[in-house]
Amino acid sequence: MWYKSSKTVMKISIDPIFQQDGAPPHYALAVRAYLHNEFPGRWIGRRGPIEWPPRSPDLSPLDFFLWGHLISVIYQTTPANLAELRQRKLDECG
C-alpha cells in the first residue's frame, strides 16, 4: 500500500488524534484497520473509537479558514448599512 512506503514519522511529545472528514472511502475496512494500527483509540470517524459528533461546530474545518477569510474581505471597509453587508456576503459566497 502507498502509505507504508511514503509514510513520514513525526516525533511529537503527545499522542495526536486523527480526524476524518466523513468521506465514504474513509469507511473502508482497510482504512479503518490502518487507523486502528497507527492511531489506536485516537481517531475520529464513522465507526471509529471516537464517533464524529453530528453537525459539531467544534470540529468544523471551516472554522480554520473560511470564516476568518470572509470577515477580513467583507469588513475591509465598514459597510454603510445592513443591505450593503448582506450584498457583500452574497458577492463573496456566490
N, C-alpha and C. Protein backbone atom coordinates (compact mmCIF):
# COMPACT_ATOMS: atom_id res chain seq x y z
N MET A 1 0.83 -1.18 0.00
CA MET A 1 0.00 0.00 0.00
C MET A 1 0.88 1.25 0.00
N TRP A 2 0.42 2.31 -0.64
CA TRP A 2 1.22 3.52 -0.83
C TRP A 2 1.62 4.18 0.46
N TYR A 3 0.77 4.16 1.48
CA TYR A 3 1.07 4.91 2.69
C TYR A 3 2.22 4.31 3.48
N LYS A 4 2.49 3.02 3.34
CA LYS A 4 3.60 2.41 4.06
C LYS A 4 4.94 2.89 3.51
N SER A 5 5.04 3.06 2.19
CA SER A 5 6.31 3.47 1.61
C SER A 5 6.54 4.98 1.69
N SER A 6 5.47 5.77 1.75
CA SER A 6 5.65 7.22 1.75
C SER A 6 5.41 7.84 3.12
N LYS A 7 5.22 7.01 4.12
CA LYS A 7 4.89 7.49 5.46
C LYS A 7 6.07 8.23 6.09
N THR A 8 5.79 9.38 6.67
CA THR A 8 6.79 10.14 7.39
C THR A 8 6.48 10.05 8.87
N VAL A 9 7.46 9.68 9.65
CA VAL A 9 7.27 9.56 11.09
C VAL A 9 7.61 10.89 11.74
N MET A 10 6.68 11.39 12.55
CA MET A 10 6.90 12.65 13.25
C MET A 10 7.14 12.37 14.72
N LYS A 11 8.12 13.01 15.29
CA LYS A 11 8.39 12.90 16.71
C LYS A 11 7.67 14.04 17.41
N ILE A 12 6.67 13.70 18.19
CA ILE A 12 5.94 14.71 18.94
C ILE A 12 5.79 14.24 20.38
N SER A 13 5.53 15.18 21.27
CA SER A 13 5.51 14.85 22.68
C SER A 13 4.16 14.33 23.18
N ILE A 14 3.10 14.49 22.39
CA ILE A 14 1.79 13.98 22.78
C ILE A 14 1.27 13.07 21.69
N ASP A 15 0.27 12.27 22.03
CA ASP A 15 -0.34 11.40 21.04
C ASP A 15 -1.40 12.17 20.26
N PRO A 16 -1.23 12.30 18.94
CA PRO A 16 -2.20 13.06 18.15
C PRO A 16 -3.51 12.29 17.99
N ILE A 17 -4.58 13.03 17.74
CA ILE A 17 -5.87 12.44 17.41
C ILE A 17 -6.11 12.75 15.94
N PHE A 18 -6.32 11.70 15.14
CA PHE A 18 -6.54 11.86 13.71
C PHE A 18 -8.02 12.10 13.47
N GLN A 19 -8.33 13.09 12.63
CA GLN A 19 -9.72 13.45 12.35
C GLN A 19 -10.08 13.15 10.90
N GLN A 20 -11.08 12.28 10.69
CA GLN A 20 -11.61 12.00 9.36
C GLN A 20 -12.54 13.13 8.96
N ASP A 21 -12.85 13.23 7.67
CA ASP A 21 -13.81 14.24 7.23
C ASP A 21 -15.15 13.64 6.83
N GLY A 22 -15.35 12.36 7.04
CA GLY A 22 -16.64 11.74 6.76
C GLY A 22 -16.84 11.27 5.33
N ALA A 23 -15.81 11.34 4.50
CA ALA A 23 -15.94 10.88 3.11
C ALA A 23 -16.17 9.36 3.08
N PRO A 24 -17.05 8.87 2.22
CA PRO A 24 -17.34 7.44 2.16
C PRO A 24 -16.11 6.53 2.01
N PRO A 25 -15.08 6.89 1.22
CA PRO A 25 -13.92 6.00 1.12
C PRO A 25 -13.19 5.79 2.45
N HIS A 26 -13.35 6.70 3.38
CA HIS A 26 -12.67 6.57 4.67
C HIS A 26 -13.30 5.51 5.56
N TYR A 27 -14.46 5.00 5.15
CA TYR A 27 -15.14 3.95 5.91
C TYR A 27 -14.66 2.56 5.50
N ALA A 28 -13.84 2.46 4.48
CA ALA A 28 -13.35 1.16 4.00
C ALA A 28 -12.62 0.43 5.13
N LEU A 29 -12.76 -0.88 5.14
CA LEU A 29 -12.16 -1.70 6.18
C LEU A 29 -10.65 -1.51 6.25
N ALA A 30 -9.98 -1.42 5.10
CA ALA A 30 -8.53 -1.24 5.09
C ALA A 30 -8.12 0.09 5.73
N VAL A 31 -8.91 1.13 5.48
CA VAL A 31 -8.61 2.45 6.06
C VAL A 31 -8.78 2.40 7.57
N ARG A 32 -9.90 1.81 8.03
CA ARG A 32 -10.14 1.74 9.47
C ARG A 32 -9.10 0.87 10.16
N ALA A 33 -8.67 -0.22 9.52
CA ALA A 33 -7.64 -1.07 10.10
C ALA A 33 -6.32 -0.30 10.24
N TYR A 34 -5.99 0.46 9.21
CA TYR A 34 -4.77 1.28 9.26
C TYR A 34 -4.83 2.29 10.41
N LEU A 35 -5.97 2.97 10.53
CA LEU A 35 -6.11 3.96 11.59
C LEU A 35 -6.08 3.32 12.97
N HIS A 36 -6.70 2.15 13.12
CA HIS A 36 -6.64 1.44 14.41
C HIS A 36 -5.19 1.10 14.77
N ASN A 37 -4.40 0.77 13.75
CA ASN A 37 -3.00 0.42 13.98
C ASN A 37 -2.14 1.64 14.27
N GLU A 38 -2.31 2.70 13.50
CA GLU A 38 -1.47 3.89 13.63
C GLU A 38 -1.91 4.86 14.73
N PHE A 39 -3.21 4.91 14.98
CA PHE A 39 -3.77 5.83 15.98
C PHE A 39 -4.71 5.05 16.91
N PRO A 40 -4.19 4.08 17.66
CA PRO A 40 -5.06 3.23 18.48
C PRO A 40 -5.88 4.04 19.49
N GLY A 41 -7.20 3.98 19.31
CA GLY A 41 -8.10 4.70 20.19
C GLY A 41 -8.08 6.21 20.03
N ARG A 42 -7.40 6.71 18.99
CA ARG A 42 -7.20 8.16 18.84
C ARG A 42 -7.57 8.66 17.45
N TRP A 43 -8.66 8.19 16.90
CA TRP A 43 -9.10 8.78 15.63
C TRP A 43 -10.61 8.98 15.66
N ILE A 44 -11.03 10.06 15.01
CA ILE A 44 -12.43 10.45 14.96
C ILE A 44 -12.97 10.11 13.59
N GLY A 45 -14.02 9.31 13.54
CA GLY A 45 -14.62 8.94 12.27
C GLY A 45 -15.73 7.94 12.45
N ARG A 46 -16.41 7.66 11.36
CA ARG A 46 -17.53 6.72 11.39
C ARG A 46 -17.06 5.34 11.84
N ARG A 47 -17.69 4.82 12.86
CA ARG A 47 -17.36 3.52 13.47
C ARG A 47 -15.93 3.48 14.01
N GLY A 48 -15.39 4.62 14.35
CA GLY A 48 -14.06 4.66 14.95
C GLY A 48 -14.18 4.67 16.46
N PRO A 49 -13.07 4.70 17.15
CA PRO A 49 -13.10 4.73 18.62
C PRO A 49 -13.75 6.01 19.16
N ILE A 50 -13.66 7.10 18.40
CA ILE A 50 -14.32 8.35 18.77
C ILE A 50 -15.26 8.68 17.61
N GLU A 51 -16.56 8.56 17.85
CA GLU A 51 -17.54 8.85 16.80
C GLU A 51 -17.53 10.33 16.46
N TRP A 52 -17.76 10.64 15.19
CA TRP A 52 -17.83 12.02 14.74
C TRP A 52 -19.12 12.63 15.28
N PRO A 53 -19.04 13.70 16.08
CA PRO A 53 -20.27 14.31 16.59
C PRO A 53 -21.07 14.93 15.44
N PRO A 54 -22.36 14.63 15.34
CA PRO A 54 -23.15 15.18 14.23
C PRO A 54 -23.23 16.70 14.27
N ARG A 55 -22.94 17.32 13.14
CA ARG A 55 -23.01 18.77 12.99
C ARG A 55 -22.25 19.51 14.08
N SER A 56 -21.10 18.99 14.44
CA SER A 56 -20.32 19.59 15.52
C SER A 56 -19.59 20.84 15.04
N PRO A 57 -19.90 22.00 15.61
CA PRO A 57 -19.17 23.20 15.22
C PRO A 57 -17.73 23.18 15.74
N ASP A 58 -17.46 22.35 16.74
CA ASP A 58 -16.12 22.28 17.31
C ASP A 58 -15.12 21.63 16.36
N LEU A 59 -15.59 20.81 15.45
CA LEU A 59 -14.69 20.07 14.56
C LEU A 59 -14.79 20.52 13.12
N SER A 60 -15.45 21.63 12.88
CA SER A 60 -15.66 22.09 11.51
C SER A 60 -14.39 22.71 10.92
N PRO A 61 -13.86 22.13 9.82
CA PRO A 61 -12.68 22.72 9.18
C PRO A 61 -12.91 24.15 8.69
N LEU A 62 -14.17 24.54 8.49
CA LEU A 62 -14.44 25.90 8.03
C LEU A 62 -14.00 26.93 9.06
N ASP A 63 -13.98 26.54 10.32
CA ASP A 63 -13.56 27.48 11.36
C ASP A 63 -12.11 27.92 11.19
N PHE A 64 -11.31 27.12 10.55
CA PHE A 64 -9.89 27.42 10.47
C PHE A 64 -9.51 28.34 9.32
N PHE A 65 -10.38 28.50 8.35
CA PHE A 65 -10.04 29.36 7.23
C PHE A 65 -11.20 30.22 6.76
N LEU A 66 -12.28 29.59 6.37
CA LEU A 66 -13.34 30.29 5.63
C LEU A 66 -13.91 31.49 6.37
N TRP A 67 -14.32 31.32 7.62
CA TRP A 67 -14.98 32.42 8.32
C TRP A 67 -14.03 33.59 8.53
N GLY A 68 -12.79 33.31 8.90
CA GLY A 68 -11.82 34.39 9.07
C GLY A 68 -11.55 35.11 7.76
N HIS A 69 -11.46 34.35 6.68
CA HIS A 69 -11.23 34.95 5.36
C HIS A 69 -12.41 35.84 4.95
N LEU A 70 -13.63 35.32 5.12
CA LEU A 70 -14.81 36.11 4.74
C LEU A 70 -14.90 37.40 5.54
N ILE A 71 -14.66 37.32 6.83
CA ILE A 71 -14.73 38.52 7.66
C ILE A 71 -13.70 39.55 7.22
N SER A 72 -12.48 39.08 6.93
CA SER A 72 -11.45 40.04 6.52
C SER A 72 -11.78 40.70 5.18
N VAL A 73 -12.40 39.97 4.27
CA VAL A 73 -12.77 40.53 2.97
C VAL A 73 -13.99 41.44 3.09
N ILE A 74 -15.00 40.97 3.79
CA ILE A 74 -16.25 41.73 3.91
C ILE A 74 -16.05 43.03 4.68
N TYR A 75 -15.22 43.00 5.70
CA TYR A 75 -15.03 44.20 6.53
C TYR A 75 -13.75 44.97 6.19
N GLN A 76 -13.25 44.80 4.96
CA GLN A 76 -12.09 45.59 4.54
C GLN A 76 -12.38 47.08 4.73
N THR A 77 -13.59 47.45 4.40
CA THR A 77 -14.11 48.78 4.73
C THR A 77 -15.46 48.55 5.40
N THR A 78 -15.84 49.43 6.28
CA THR A 78 -17.09 49.26 7.02
C THR A 78 -18.29 49.43 6.09
N PRO A 79 -19.20 48.44 6.08
CA PRO A 79 -20.40 48.57 5.26
C PRO A 79 -21.24 49.76 5.73
N ALA A 80 -21.86 50.45 4.79
CA ALA A 80 -22.66 51.63 5.12
C ALA A 80 -23.96 51.27 5.82
N ASN A 81 -24.50 50.09 5.49
CA ASN A 81 -25.77 49.68 6.09
C ASN A 81 -25.91 48.16 6.00
N LEU A 82 -26.99 47.65 6.55
CA LEU A 82 -27.23 46.22 6.58
C LEU A 82 -27.38 45.63 5.17
N ALA A 83 -28.01 46.36 4.29
CA ALA A 83 -28.19 45.88 2.91
C ALA A 83 -26.83 45.69 2.22
N GLU A 84 -25.92 46.63 2.43
CA GLU A 84 -24.58 46.51 1.84
C GLU A 84 -23.83 45.32 2.44
N LEU A 85 -23.97 45.12 3.74
CA LEU A 85 -23.33 43.98 4.39
C LEU A 85 -23.84 42.67 3.80
N ARG A 86 -25.14 42.56 3.64
CA ARG A 86 -25.73 41.35 3.05
C ARG A 86 -25.24 41.14 1.62
N GLN A 87 -25.15 42.21 0.86
CA GLN A 87 -24.70 42.08 -0.53
C GLN A 87 -23.24 41.63 -0.59
N ARG A 88 -22.41 42.15 0.29
CA ARG A 88 -21.00 41.72 0.31
C ARG A 88 -20.90 40.23 0.62
N LYS A 89 -21.69 39.76 1.56
CA LYS A 89 -21.69 38.33 1.88
C LYS A 89 -22.07 37.51 0.65
N LEU A 90 -23.13 37.93 -0.01
CA LEU A 90 -23.58 37.21 -1.21
C LEU A 90 -22.52 37.24 -2.31
N ASP A 91 -21.88 38.39 -2.50
CA ASP A 91 -20.85 38.51 -3.53
C ASP A 91 -19.68 37.57 -3.25
N GLU A 92 -19.26 37.47 -2.01
CA GLU A 92 -18.11 36.64 -1.66
C GLU A 92 -18.43 35.15 -1.69
N CYS A 93 -19.64 34.79 -1.32
CA CYS A 93 -20.01 33.37 -1.24
C CYS A 93 -20.62 32.84 -2.53
N GLY A 94 -21.05 33.74 -3.40
CA GLY A 94 -21.76 33.30 -4.60
C GLY A 94 -20.87 33.09 -5.71
